[in-house]
Amino acid sequence: MSDEEESPLKFPCEFPVKAMGKTDCELDIIVVEIVRRHAPDLTEGAVYTRESTAGNYVSVTVRVNATSRAQLDAIYQDLVDCEAVIMAI
């Protein structure tokens, strides 16, 4: 059974990738750069940022046109490998 058959997702699909980190590191630019490595067709309107209540952290959500589970796995792996990213969900 392939990864595609085991996944509840049906590809291609729109999928929100979220990363969180400190506000002082331009996380939005970092996350977009990482995601674009795997999803070069990313559009500007696909990126949303939100600061925490105290302003210490920021979350960046990127809506990706996902083509496979392997693509999403690669995006998440690169995000968690990045020092600026505290958490990717």
C-alpha atoms as a PDB file:
ATOM      1  CA  MET A   1       0.000   0.000   0.000  1.00  0.00           C
ATOM      2  CA  SER A   2       1.472   3.391  -1.000  1.00  0.00           C
ATOM      3  CA  ASP A   3       1.580   6.484   1.199  1.00  0.00           C
ATOM      4  CA  GLU A   4      -1.166   8.010  -0.959  1.00  0.00           C
ATOM      5  CA  GLU A   5      -3.463   5.049  -0.257  1.00  0.00           C
ATOM      6  CA  GLU A   6      -2.833   5.272   3.516  1.00  0.00           C
ATOM      7  CA  SER A   7      -3.478   9.023   3.705  1.00  0.00           C
ATOM      8  CA  PRO A   8      -6.982  10.337   4.408  1.00  0.00           C
ATOM      9  CA  LEU A   9      -6.117  13.260   2.101  1.00  0.00           C
ATOM     10  CA  LYS A  10      -6.981  13.085  -1.582  1.00  0.00           C
ATOM     11  CA  PHE A  11      -4.310  14.704  -3.740  1.00  0.00           C
ATOM     12  CA  PRO A  12      -4.074  17.257  -5.155  1.00  0.00           C
ATOM     13  CA  CYS A  13      -5.647  19.346  -2.407  1.00  0.00           C
ATOM     14  CA  GLU A  14      -5.294  22.690  -0.684  1.00  0.00           C
ATOM     15  CA  PHE A  15      -3.528  22.172   2.642  1.00  0.00           C
ATOM     16  CA  PRO A  16      -2.681  24.719   5.375  1.00  0.00           C
ATOM     17  CA  VAL A  17       0.857  24.450   6.720  1.00  0.00           C
ATOM     18  CA  LYS A  18       1.470  26.399   9.938  1.00  0.00           C
ATOM     19  CA  ALA A  19       4.759  27.293  11.594  1.00  0.00           C
ATOM     20  CA  MET A  20       5.350  29.237  14.798  1.00  0.00           C
ATOM     21  CA  GLY A  21       8.370  31.114  16.063  1.00  0.00           C
ATOM     22  CA  LYS A  22       9.645  34.313  17.684  1.00  0.00           C
ATOM     23  CA  THR A  23       8.499  37.618  16.176  1.00  0.00           C
ATOM     24  CA  ASP A  24      12.031  38.988  15.881  1.00  0.00           C
ATOM     25  CA  CYS A  25      13.243  36.701  13.073  1.00  0.00           C
ATOM     26  CA  GLU A  26      11.074  37.556  10.014  1.00  0.00           C
ATOM     27  CA  LEU A  27       9.527  34.108  10.229  1.00  0.00           C
ATOM     28  CA  ASP A  28       7.117  34.773   7.362  1.00  0.00           C
ATOM     29  CA  ILE A  29       9.999  35.227   4.908  1.00  0.00           C
ATOM     30  CA  ILE A  30      11.776  32.119   6.205  1.00  0.00           C
ATOM     31  CA  VAL A  31       8.668  29.928   6.051  1.00  0.00           C
ATOM     32  CA  VAL A  32       7.711  31.079   2.548  1.00  0.00           C
ATOM     33  CA  GLU A  33      11.257  30.368   1.333  1.00  0.00           C
ATOM     34  CA  ILE A  34      11.119  26.846   2.780  1.00  0.00           C
ATOM     35  CA  VAL A  35       7.655  26.085   1.412  1.00  0.00           C
ATOM     36  CA  ARG A  36       8.544  27.432  -2.056  1.00  0.00           C
ATOM     37  CA  ARG A  37      11.335  24.843  -2.322  1.00  0.00           C
ATOM     38  CA  HIS A  38       8.619  22.191  -2.454  1.00  0.00           C
ATOM     39  CA  ALA A  39       5.660  24.188  -3.817  1.00  0.00           C
ATOM     40  CA  PRO A  40       7.019  26.744  -6.298  1.00  0.00           C
ATOM     41  CA  ASP A  41       3.508  27.706  -7.451  1.00  0.00           C
ATOM     42  CA  LEU A  42       2.801  29.398  -4.110  1.00  0.00           C
ATOM     43  CA  THR A  43       0.857  32.646  -4.490  1.00  0.00           C
ATOM     44  CA  GLU A  44       1.168  35.746  -2.318  1.00  0.00           C
ATOM     45  CA  GLY A  45      -2.417  35.497  -1.112  1.00  0.00           C
ATOM     46  CA  ALA A  46      -1.642  32.068   0.325  1.00  0.00           C
ATOM     47  CA  VAL A  47       0.323  33.421   3.301  1.00  0.00           C
ATOM     48  CA  TYR A  48      -1.260  34.586   6.574  1.00  0.00           C
ATOM     49  CA  THR A  49       0.520  35.765   9.705  1.00  0.00           C
ATOM     50  CA  ARG A  50      -0.758  36.327  13.216  1.00  0.00           C
ATOM     51  CA  GLU A  51       1.047  37.622  16.281  1.00  0.00           C
ATOM     52  CA  SER A  52       0.454  36.233  19.747  1.00  0.00           C
ATOM     53  CA  THR A  53      -1.440  38.371  22.256  1.00  0.00           C
ATOM     54  CA  ALA A  54       1.770  39.468  23.979  1.00  0.00           C
ATOM     55  CA  GLY A  55       3.540  39.977  20.650  1.00  0.00           C
ATOM     56  CA  ASN A  56       6.398  37.595  21.422  1.00  0.00           C
ATOM     57  CA  TYR A  57       5.502  34.921  18.879  1.00  0.00           C
ATOM     58  CA  VAL A  58       4.081  34.790  15.385  1.00  0.00           C
ATOM     59  CA  SER A  59       2.346  32.053  13.447  1.00  0.00           C
ATOM     60  CA  VAL A  60       2.631  31.806   9.688  1.00  0.00           C
ATOM     61  CA  THR A  61       0.058  29.793   7.773  1.00  0.00           C
ATOM     62  CA  VAL A  62       0.708  28.948   4.139  1.00  0.00           C
ATOM     63  CA  ARG A  63      -2.019  27.386   1.991  1.00  0.00           C
ATOM     64  CA  VAL A  64      -0.224  24.903  -0.242  1.00  0.00           C
ATOM     65  CA  ASN A  65      -1.593  23.212  -3.326  1.00  0.00           C
ATOM     66  CA  ALA A  66      -0.332  19.804  -2.145  1.00  0.00           C
ATOM     67  CA  THR A  67       0.307  17.166  -4.766  1.00  0.00           C
ATOM     68  CA  SER A  68       1.420  14.283  -2.533  1.00  0.00           C
ATOM     69  CA  ARG A  69       2.045  13.124   1.013  1.00  0.00           C
ATOM     70  CA  ALA A  70       5.769  13.038   0.231  1.00  0.00           C
ATOM     71  CA  GLN A  71       5.662  16.737  -0.683  1.00  0.00           C
ATOM     72  CA  LEU A  72       3.963  17.632   2.623  1.00  0.00           C
ATOM     73  CA  ASP A  73       6.392  15.444   4.577  1.00  0.00           C
ATOM     74  CA  ALA A  74       9.338  17.226   2.935  1.00  0.00           C
ATOM     75  CA  ILE A  75       7.890  20.656   3.756  1.00  0.00           C
ATOM     76  CA  TYR A  76       7.354  19.716   7.402  1.00  0.00           C
ATOM     77  CA  GLN A  77      10.813  18.166   7.684  1.00  0.00           C
ATOM     78  CA  ASP A  78      12.470  21.333   6.382  1.00  0.00           C
ATOM     79  CA  LEU A  79      10.363  23.466   8.721  1.00  0.00           C
ATOM     80  CA  VAL A  80      11.250  21.491  11.851  1.00  0.00           C
ATOM     81  CA  ASP A  81      14.910  21.458  10.794  1.00  0.00           C
ATOM     82  CA  CYS A  82      14.897  25.278  10.707  1.00  0.00           C
ATOM     83  CA  GLU A  83      16.207  26.910  13.907  1.00  0.00           C
ATOM     84  CA  ALA A  84      13.742  29.823  13.613  1.00  0.00           C
ATOM     85  CA  VAL A  85      10.736  27.487  13.683  1.00  0.00           C
ATOM     86  CA  ILE A  86       9.642  26.499  17.183  1.00  0.00           C
ATOM     87  CA  MET A  87       6.759  24.331  16.009  1.00  0.00           C
ATOM     88  CA  ALA A  88       5.183  23.221  12.714  1.00  0.00           C
ATOM     89  CA  ILE A  89       1.632  21.898  12.562  1.00  0.00           C
END
